[in-house]
Amino acid sequence: MRIHLSALGCRLNEAELEQWATAFTKAGDQIATEPAEADVLVLNTCAVTREAVRKSRQKLQKLQRDNPQAKLVVSGCYSELEPANALAELGVDLIVPNTRKDELVTLTRHAFADLSMPQAATLPANAALFTRNRHRAFIKIQDGCRYRCTFCIVTVARGAERSRTIADIVEEVRALEADEVREVVLTGVHVGGYGSDLDTNLEALVKALLDDTDIPRIRFASVEPWDLSPGFLDLFANPRVQPHMHLPLQSGSDTVLRRMARRCKTVDFNALTQSLREAVPNFNITTDIIAGFPGETEQEWADSMDFIATQGFGHIHAFTYSERDGTRAATLPDSVPMEIRQQRSRQLHQLGDQLKNEQLSRSIGTVADVLWERGRQTSNEQGQSIWTHQGYTPNYQRVRTQSHENLANRILPVKLTGIEDGKLTGTSQM
């Protein structure tokens, strides 16, 4: 069969897509880069917000329009929460629950093994898989979450925590390394809780990857700030562990954090960010913040903004609170009017832009190793080839450069020279 894979939402969904692509190919199927080329369309959906639900439904409709003859397979949080008859009306032929995602390839092949193949061309699995980010791969290390933050629907949709073994993850990283992947991002629903069901932890996993693989760069997806083991910060002494963490704060007000059932106070969060920056200079910390949580008063919002301003975040992923049926937050009193939520969200975006620009400015004049992504080739007035590339520093600052040669998938020292459109610019020092 020829399979087209797509995902919405989090990096975990992307990681699962990569696993499915590898498994389909090993089973003898081909990965189609365009929906019109496929026998089967697989969509990994999201439901973290009402907007994510809307986009998931919209994507399903578009896939069906693009290729009405193809079978449509859906998994992910939206499909977990939506009634099966509603999905059937959208043309879905097979629903794979989150708890059976590891079986998606087997279930799909069993359901549609007799489909005939269209004649459209496809690319090998690795080429299709890494079309956007050939250098970077997302590694699913666990699924599910034991906590119940009052705003979160994902823990309802994903279920109990389930971790992959260290040996299994090491084997996957070795295979990616052999395929010239230069960076892995460890992802999951509750990354910091990795190994709670296997009598191990995230620190042990990273040590195993450092000892048993040669992958040049290891990153983390979102990690809850209360989950880190005592020796975790020591990992960053190894330059292969990249000095960036996404630590979701959600609010800078302790009273709002209590209503959210978050397990971290602002004083604890501040202590962690200071420790990380003491461990590694220029450590980049990014975060999530919700604006307009139920009951959030003007004073709580002011307190939140004051605290956020002290943290020097490199990026703030700002969410305007939206009610999600099935969460405790949706039943809380004193809902904040939508116009005030949106106003606070705009204020948060402005503060986030200010903090990001301050951090980028501090990097100008320094030299950093950048992993370059695929570039765009053009010609100058003299007819010479010019490559325009973008890539990331170790602390996850985006850099743009121009070169007379293709730098894709290479890690090179770069002199950081300026800021354009919210990105650093640099000159290769090779």
Protein backbone atom coordinates (compact mmCIF):
# COMPACT_ATOMS: atom_id res chain seq x y z
CA MET A 1 0.00 0.00 0.00
CA ARG A 2 0.94 3.63 -0.35
CA ILE A 3 0.47 5.60 2.85
CA HIS A 4 0.24 9.34 3.40
CA LEU A 5 0.95 10.42 6.99
CA SER A 6 0.08 13.77 8.58
CA ALA A 7 -0.24 15.16 12.10
CA LEU A 8 -1.57 18.14 13.99
CA GLY A 9 -0.52 19.41 17.39
CA CYS A 10 2.36 18.38 19.59
CA ARG A 11 5.80 16.97 18.95
CA LEU A 12 4.60 13.66 20.36
CA ASN A 13 2.22 13.35 17.41
CA GLU A 14 5.16 14.03 15.07
CA ALA A 15 7.25 11.39 16.84
CA GLU A 16 4.49 8.81 16.39
CA LEU A 17 4.29 9.72 12.70
CA GLU A 18 7.99 8.99 12.30
CA GLN A 19 7.60 5.60 14.01
CA TRP A 20 4.68 4.71 11.75
CA ALA A 21 6.59 5.70 8.63
CA THR A 22 9.47 3.41 9.60
CA ALA A 23 7.13 0.53 10.46
CA PHE A 24 5.06 0.83 7.25
CA THR A 25 8.25 0.79 5.18
CA LYS A 26 9.65 -2.24 6.99
CA ALA A 27 6.37 -4.01 6.27
CA GLY A 28 6.81 -3.37 2.55
CA ASP A 29 4.56 -0.34 2.10
CA GLN A 30 5.55 2.99 0.59
CA ILE A 31 5.24 6.51 1.98
CA ALA A 32 3.38 8.95 -0.29
CA THR A 33 4.36 12.59 0.02
CA GLU A 34 1.00 13.86 -1.27
CA PRO A 35 -2.52 12.77 -0.25
CA ALA A 36 -3.56 12.28 -3.89
CA GLU A 37 -0.87 9.58 -4.31
CA ALA A 38 -2.03 7.37 -1.44
CA ASP A 39 -4.24 4.34 -0.91
CA VAL A 40 -4.51 5.16 2.80
CA LEU A 41 -4.50 8.55 4.54
CA VAL A 42 -3.44 8.52 8.20
CA LEU A 43 -4.07 11.58 10.39
CA ASN A 44 -2.79 11.95 13.95
CA THR A 45 -5.20 14.46 15.50
CA CYS A 46 -5.07 16.95 18.38
CA ALA A 47 -7.63 18.25 20.88
CA VAL A 48 -5.60 20.37 23.31
CA THR A 49 -7.82 23.40 22.59
CA ARG A 50 -11.11 24.05 20.83
CA GLU A 51 -9.08 25.52 17.98
CA ALA A 52 -7.13 22.25 17.72
CA VAL A 53 -10.43 20.36 17.51
CA ARG A 54 -11.59 22.67 14.72
CA LYS A 55 -8.33 22.18 12.80
CA SER A 56 -8.50 18.40 13.21
CA ARG A 57 -12.01 18.28 11.79
CA GLN A 58 -11.02 20.65 8.99
CA LYS A 59 -7.97 18.54 8.12
CA LEU A 60 -10.06 15.38 7.92
CA GLN A 61 -12.45 17.08 5.52
CA LYS A 62 -9.59 18.33 3.35
CA LEU A 63 -7.93 14.92 3.18
CA GLN A 64 -11.17 13.37 2.03
CA ARG A 65 -11.66 16.08 -0.63
CA ASP A 66 -8.08 15.65 -1.88
CA ASN A 67 -8.46 11.89 -2.30
CA PRO A 68 -12.03 10.60 -1.85
CA GLN A 69 -11.06 7.08 -3.02
CA ALA A 70 -8.48 6.59 -0.26
CA LYS A 71 -9.20 4.92 3.06
CA LEU A 72 -9.05 7.35 5.99
CA VAL A 73 -7.41 6.27 9.27
CA VAL A 74 -7.53 8.56 12.29
CA SER A 75 -5.88 8.44 15.70
CA GLY A 76 -4.92 10.97 18.38
CA CYS A 77 -6.74 12.98 21.00
CA TYR A 78 -9.50 14.43 18.81
CA SER A 79 -10.52 10.98 17.58
CA GLU A 80 -10.35 9.66 21.14
CA LEU A 81 -12.88 12.23 22.39
CA GLU A 82 -15.17 12.51 19.36
CA PRO A 83 -18.06 10.02 19.00
CA ALA A 84 -17.41 7.28 16.44
CA ASN A 85 -20.57 8.12 14.47
CA ALA A 86 -19.42 11.75 14.08
CA LEU A 87 -16.07 10.54 12.71
CA ALA A 88 -17.85 8.16 10.36
CA GLU A 89 -19.82 11.11 8.96
CA LEU A 90 -16.46 12.75 8.18
CA GLY A 91 -15.51 9.71 6.10
CA VAL A 92 -13.26 7.95 8.63
CA ASP A 93 -12.82 4.25 7.84
CA LEU A 94 -10.68 3.20 10.83
CA ILE A 95 -10.23 4.71 14.30
CA VAL A 96 -7.13 3.66 16.25
CA PRO A 97 -7.39 4.49 19.97
CA ASN A 98 -4.45 6.20 21.68
CA THR A 99 -3.90 3.08 23.77
CA ARG A 100 -3.35 1.06 20.57
CA LYS A 101 -1.21 3.53 18.63
CA ASP A 102 1.68 1.09 18.71
CA GLU A 103 -0.53 -1.26 16.68
CA LEU A 104 -1.67 1.33 14.12
CA VAL A 105 0.46 -0.07 11.31
CA THR A 106 -0.67 -3.65 11.95
CA LEU A 107 -4.34 -2.64 12.29
CA THR A 108 -4.21 -0.54 9.11
CA ARG A 109 -2.52 -3.23 7.03
CA HIS A 110 -4.96 -5.87 8.30
CA ALA A 111 -7.98 -3.68 7.49
CA PHE A 112 -6.89 -2.56 4.01
CA ALA A 113 -4.32 -5.10 2.80
CA ASP A 114 -6.23 -5.84 -0.40
CA LEU A 115 -6.19 -2.27 -1.73
CA SER A 116 -4.73 -1.83 -5.20
CA MET A 117 -1.83 0.57 -5.67
CA PRO A 118 -2.15 3.80 -7.67
CA GLN A 119 0.57 4.58 -10.20
CA ALA A 120 1.75 7.90 -8.69
CA ALA A 121 5.40 8.04 -7.67
CA THR A 122 6.52 7.95 -4.05
CA LEU A 123 9.75 8.61 -2.20
CA PRO A 124 11.64 6.21 0.05
CA ALA A 125 10.50 6.31 3.67
CA ASN A 126 13.45 8.23 5.04
CA ALA A 127 13.19 10.93 2.36
CA ALA A 128 9.47 11.40 2.98
CA LEU A 129 9.89 11.25 6.72
CA PHE A 130 12.51 13.95 7.01
CA THR A 131 11.47 16.23 4.14
CA ARG A 132 11.20 19.18 6.52
CA ASN A 133 13.78 18.33 9.18
CA ARG A 134 16.19 15.74 7.84
CA HIS A 135 18.61 16.53 10.63
CA ARG A 136 16.18 16.20 13.56
CA ALA A 137 13.94 13.37 14.73
CA PHE A 138 11.33 13.27 17.48
CA ILE A 139 11.59 10.21 19.72
CA LYS A 140 8.50 9.08 21.60
CA ILE A 141 9.79 7.87 24.97
CA GLN A 142 6.49 7.53 26.84
CA ASP A 143 2.76 8.17 26.68
CA GLY A 144 0.09 9.20 29.18
CA CYS A 145 0.22 11.24 32.38
CA ARG A 146 -0.46 10.51 36.04
CA TYR A 147 -1.34 14.13 36.88
CA ARG A 148 -4.66 15.88 36.40
CA CYS A 149 -4.10 19.58 35.80
CA THR A 150 -7.61 21.03 35.79
CA PHE A 151 -7.34 22.59 32.30
CA CYS A 152 -5.88 19.57 30.51
CA ILE A 153 -7.91 17.25 28.28
CA VAL A 154 -4.84 15.42 26.95
CA THR A 155 -4.43 13.28 30.07
CA VAL A 156 -8.05 12.16 29.65
CA ALA A 157 -7.44 11.27 26.00
CA ARG A 158 -4.01 9.63 26.43
CA GLY A 159 -4.63 7.54 29.57
CA ALA A 160 -2.14 6.09 32.07
CA GLU A 161 1.64 6.47 31.79
CA ARG A 162 3.43 3.92 29.63
CA SER A 163 7.21 4.14 29.06
CA ARG A 164 9.34 2.50 26.38
CA THR A 165 12.39 0.61 27.59
CA ILE A 166 15.79 2.28 27.50
CA ALA A 167 17.08 -0.50 25.23
CA ASP A 168 14.29 0.10 22.71
CA ILE A 169 14.93 3.87 22.63
CA VAL A 170 18.70 3.38 22.29
CA GLU A 171 18.12 1.03 19.34
CA GLU A 172 15.90 3.62 17.61
CA VAL A 173 18.43 6.41 18.13
CA ARG A 174 21.24 4.24 16.75
CA ALA A 175 19.18 3.56 13.63
CA LEU A 176 18.48 7.26 13.16
CA GLU A 177 22.14 8.07 13.67
CA ALA A 178 23.07 5.56 10.95
CA ASP A 179 20.58 7.40 8.72
CA GLU A 180 22.54 10.64 9.28
CA VAL A 181 20.11 12.25 11.73
CA ARG A 182 22.07 14.74 13.81
CA GLU A 183 19.64 15.57 16.62
CA VAL A 184 16.94 13.77 18.59
CA VAL A 185 14.18 15.38 20.63
CA LEU A 186 12.84 13.24 23.49
CA THR A 187 9.09 13.69 23.61
CA GLY A 188 5.96 12.35 25.31
CA VAL A 189 2.88 13.49 27.20
CA HIS A 190 4.80 13.54 30.49
CA VAL A 191 8.48 13.45 29.52
CA GLY A 192 9.73 14.10 33.06
CA GLY A 193 7.74 11.12 34.28
CA TYR A 194 9.60 8.76 31.97
CA GLY A 195 10.34 5.41 33.60
CA SER A 196 7.93 5.71 36.54
CA ASP A 197 6.43 2.39 35.43
CA LEU A 198 9.85 0.80 34.73
CA ASP A 199 11.78 1.73 37.89
CA THR A 200 13.99 4.18 36.01
CA ASN A 201 13.90 7.87 35.07
CA LEU A 202 14.72 10.46 32.43
CA GLU A 203 18.23 11.02 33.78
CA ALA A 204 19.08 7.33 33.37
CA LEU A 205 17.72 7.35 29.81
CA VAL A 206 19.86 10.33 28.80
CA LYS A 207 22.97 8.77 30.37
CA ALA A 208 22.33 5.61 28.34
CA LEU A 209 21.99 7.64 25.13
CA LEU A 210 25.27 9.43 25.92
CA ASP A 211 27.04 6.14 26.68
CA ASP A 212 25.56 3.88 24.00
CA THR A 213 25.04 6.18 21.01
CA ASP A 214 27.04 8.88 19.25
CA ILE A 215 24.10 11.09 18.30
CA PRO A 216 25.56 14.63 18.32
CA ARG A 217 22.61 16.44 19.88
CA ILE A 218 19.97 15.47 22.46
CA ARG A 219 17.05 17.76 23.30
CA PHE A 220 13.93 17.56 25.42
CA ALA A 221 10.38 18.43 24.52
CA SER A 222 8.16 19.96 27.21
CA VAL A 223 9.15 18.83 30.73
CA GLU A 224 7.11 19.65 33.82
CA PRO A 225 9.26 21.76 36.19
CA TRP A 226 8.70 19.54 39.23
CA ASP A 227 9.90 16.30 37.63
CA LEU A 228 13.68 16.66 37.45
CA SER A 229 15.85 14.28 39.50
CA PRO A 230 18.65 15.63 41.75
CA GLY A 231 21.40 14.78 39.25
CA PHE A 232 19.54 15.94 36.17
CA LEU A 233 21.28 19.30 35.89
CA ASP A 234 24.66 17.54 35.75
CA LEU A 235 23.69 16.12 32.34
CA PHE A 236 24.24 19.53 30.77
CA ALA A 237 27.96 19.31 31.49
CA ASN A 238 28.05 17.11 28.37
CA PRO A 239 27.88 19.39 25.31
CA ARG A 240 25.75 16.82 23.46
CA VAL A 241 22.86 17.64 25.84
CA GLN A 242 21.58 20.92 24.44
CA PRO A 243 21.12 23.87 26.87
CA HIS A 244 17.43 24.50 26.27
CA MET A 245 14.33 23.32 28.11
CA HIS A 246 10.66 24.04 27.61
CA LEU A 247 9.28 24.28 31.14
CA PRO A 248 5.51 25.00 31.13
CA LEU A 249 4.75 27.48 33.90
CA GLN A 250 1.10 28.18 32.89
CA SER A 251 0.72 31.12 35.31
CA GLY A 252 2.93 33.40 37.36
CA SER A 253 0.33 33.63 40.14
CA ASP A 254 0.46 31.04 42.92
CA THR A 255 -3.28 31.25 43.58
CA VAL A 256 -4.04 30.57 39.90
CA LEU A 257 -1.54 27.71 39.92
CA ARG A 258 -3.46 26.14 42.81
CA ARG A 259 -6.72 26.32 40.86
CA MET A 260 -4.90 24.71 37.95
CA ALA A 261 -3.71 21.89 40.28
CA ARG A 262 -0.13 22.58 39.21
CA ARG A 263 2.53 21.01 41.43
CA CYS A 264 4.95 23.93 41.28
CA LYS A 265 5.00 27.33 43.02
CA THR A 266 6.64 30.39 41.52
CA VAL A 267 9.44 30.30 44.10
CA ASP A 268 10.28 26.71 43.06
CA PHE A 269 10.16 27.59 39.38
CA ASN A 270 12.47 30.56 39.92
CA ALA A 271 14.95 28.39 41.83
CA LEU A 272 15.00 25.90 38.94
CA THR A 273 15.57 28.53 36.25
CA GLN A 274 18.40 30.07 38.28
CA SER A 275 20.01 26.64 38.75
CA LEU A 276 19.86 25.91 35.02
CA ARG A 277 21.46 29.23 34.14
CA GLU A 278 24.15 28.73 36.75
CA ALA A 279 24.86 25.29 35.29
CA VAL A 280 25.16 26.55 31.69
CA PRO A 281 25.64 30.19 30.61
CA ASN A 282 23.00 31.37 28.10
CA PHE A 283 20.69 28.48 28.98
CA ASN A 284 17.45 29.11 27.10
CA ILE A 285 14.17 28.49 28.93
CA THR A 286 10.89 28.64 27.05
CA THR A 287 7.42 28.19 28.50
CA ASP A 288 3.62 27.97 28.17
CA ILE A 289 1.30 30.54 29.78
CA ILE A 290 -2.52 30.54 29.87
CA ALA A 291 -4.25 33.92 29.84
CA GLY A 292 -7.71 34.31 31.35
CA PHE A 293 -7.98 31.13 33.43
CA PRO A 294 -11.32 30.90 35.32
CA GLY A 295 -11.38 33.24 38.32
CA GLU A 296 -8.20 35.08 37.29
CA THR A 297 -8.52 38.54 38.86
CA GLU A 298 -6.81 41.73 37.70
CA GLN A 299 -4.40 41.42 40.65
CA GLU A 300 -3.58 37.80 39.85
CA TRP A 301 -2.92 38.74 36.24
CA ALA A 302 -0.68 41.63 37.32
CA ASP A 303 1.21 39.30 39.69
CA SER A 304 1.58 36.77 36.90
CA MET A 305 2.96 39.30 34.43
CA ASP A 306 5.37 40.68 37.04
CA PHE A 307 6.78 37.22 37.72
CA ILE A 308 7.00 36.25 34.04
CA ALA A 309 8.98 39.44 33.36
CA THR A 310 11.70 38.26 35.79
CA GLN A 311 12.29 34.92 34.06
CA GLY A 312 14.02 35.98 30.84
CA PHE A 313 12.11 33.47 28.69
CA GLY A 314 13.42 32.94 25.17
CA HIS A 315 9.90 32.27 23.94
CA ILE A 316 6.41 32.24 25.47
CA HIS A 317 3.76 30.03 23.94
CA ALA A 318 0.72 32.10 24.91
CA PHE A 319 -2.68 30.40 25.14
CA THR A 320 -5.99 32.22 25.48
CA TYR A 321 -7.94 29.99 27.86
CA SER A 322 -10.71 28.00 26.19
CA GLU A 323 -13.15 25.72 27.98
CA ARG A 324 -12.80 22.01 27.27
CA ASP A 325 -15.67 19.68 28.18
CA GLY A 326 -14.44 16.92 30.45
CA THR A 327 -11.97 19.07 32.39
CA ARG A 328 -12.47 20.37 35.95
CA ALA A 329 -11.56 23.90 34.86
CA ALA A 330 -14.65 24.03 32.64
CA THR A 331 -16.81 23.75 35.79
CA LEU A 332 -15.01 26.44 37.79
CA PRO A 333 -16.93 29.65 38.63
CA ASP A 334 -16.09 33.25 37.67
CA SER A 335 -15.32 32.75 34.00
CA VAL A 336 -13.22 35.57 32.59
CA PRO A 337 -14.99 37.38 29.72
CA MET A 338 -13.50 36.49 26.33
CA GLU A 339 -12.57 40.08 25.49
CA ILE A 340 -10.49 40.28 28.69
CA ARG A 341 -8.85 36.92 27.95
CA GLN A 342 -7.87 38.16 24.51
CA GLN A 343 -6.61 41.47 25.89
CA ARG A 344 -4.40 39.63 28.38
CA SER A 345 -3.18 37.33 25.64
CA ARG A 346 -2.09 40.35 23.59
CA GLN A 347 -0.23 41.76 26.60
CA LEU A 348 1.46 38.40 27.07
CA HIS A 349 2.54 38.25 23.43
CA GLN A 350 4.06 41.73 23.74
CA LEU A 351 6.00 40.74 26.86
CA GLY A 352 7.12 37.50 25.18
CA ASP A 353 8.42 39.41 22.15
CA GLN A 354 10.30 41.81 24.43
CA LEU A 355 11.95 39.01 26.42
CA LYS A 356 12.87 37.12 23.25
CA ASN A 357 14.48 40.17 21.66
CA GLU A 358 16.45 40.86 24.83
CA GLN A 359 17.81 37.32 24.80
CA LEU A 360 18.65 37.42 21.09
CA SER A 361 20.46 40.73 21.56
CA ARG A 362 22.70 39.20 24.22
CA SER A 363 23.81 36.59 21.67
CA ILE A 364 25.04 39.09 19.06
CA GLY A 365 28.82 38.96 18.75
CA THR A 366 29.13 35.42 20.08
CA VAL A 367 30.00 32.23 18.17
CA ALA A 368 27.68 29.22 18.34
CA ASP A 369 27.50 25.82 16.64
CA VAL A 370 24.46 25.76 14.35
CA LEU A 371 22.82 22.67 12.88
CA TRP A 372 21.69 23.84 9.45
CA GLU A 373 18.42 22.73 7.86
CA ARG A 374 17.77 22.23 4.16
CA GLY A 375 18.40 25.45 2.26
CA ARG A 376 16.93 27.35 -0.67
CA GLN A 377 19.17 27.84 -3.69
CA THR A 378 19.13 31.01 -5.81
CA SER A 379 21.62 32.88 -8.01
CA ASN A 380 23.19 36.29 -7.51
CA GLU A 381 23.82 38.94 -10.18
CA GLN A 382 27.09 37.23 -11.14
CA GLY A 383 25.30 33.93 -11.72
CA GLN A 384 26.81 32.32 -8.63
CA SER A 385 24.75 29.89 -6.54
CA ILE A 386 23.63 31.30 -3.19
CA TRP A 387 22.18 29.07 -0.50
CA THR A 388 19.89 30.53 2.18
CA HIS A 389 19.77 28.36 5.29
CA GLN A 390 18.14 28.40 8.68
CA GLY A 391 19.18 26.38 11.70
CA TYR A 392 19.35 26.25 15.48
CA THR A 393 22.05 27.03 18.01
CA PRO A 394 22.52 24.61 20.94
CA ASN A 395 20.22 26.79 23.07
CA TYR A 396 17.51 26.71 20.37
CA GLN A 397 17.86 30.16 18.89
CA ARG A 398 16.97 30.28 15.22
CA VAL A 399 19.68 31.59 12.88
CA ARG A 400 19.61 32.56 9.19
CA THR A 401 22.65 32.75 6.89
CA GLN A 402 23.67 32.79 3.25
CA SER A 403 26.48 30.70 1.79
CA HIS A 404 28.00 29.76 -1.55
CA GLU A 405 27.69 26.07 -0.64
CA ASN A 406 24.98 23.79 0.70
CA LEU A 407 25.29 23.57 4.50
CA ALA A 408 22.33 21.24 5.09
CA ASN A 409 22.66 18.74 7.95
CA ARG A 410 26.05 20.10 9.03
CA ILE A 411 26.94 21.47 12.46
CA LEU A 412 29.21 24.48 11.97
CA PRO A 413 30.48 27.39 14.11
CA VAL A 414 28.69 30.62 13.28
CA LYS A 415 29.40 34.23 14.26
CA LEU A 416 26.06 35.74 15.30
CA THR A 417 25.86 39.21 13.80
CA GLY A 418 22.34 40.63 14.03
CA ILE A 419 18.57 40.16 14.27
CA GLU A 420 16.08 40.09 11.38
CA ASP A 421 12.38 39.24 11.69
CA GLY A 422 12.84 37.75 15.14
CA LYS A 423 15.73 35.50 14.09
CA LEU A 424 19.48 35.83 14.49
CA THR A 425 21.67 36.28 11.45
CA GLY A 426 25.15 34.83 11.24
CA THR A 427 28.25 34.14 9.22
CA SER A 428 29.74 30.65 9.04
CA GLN A 429 33.23 30.40 10.59
CA MET A 430 34.25 27.18 8.79
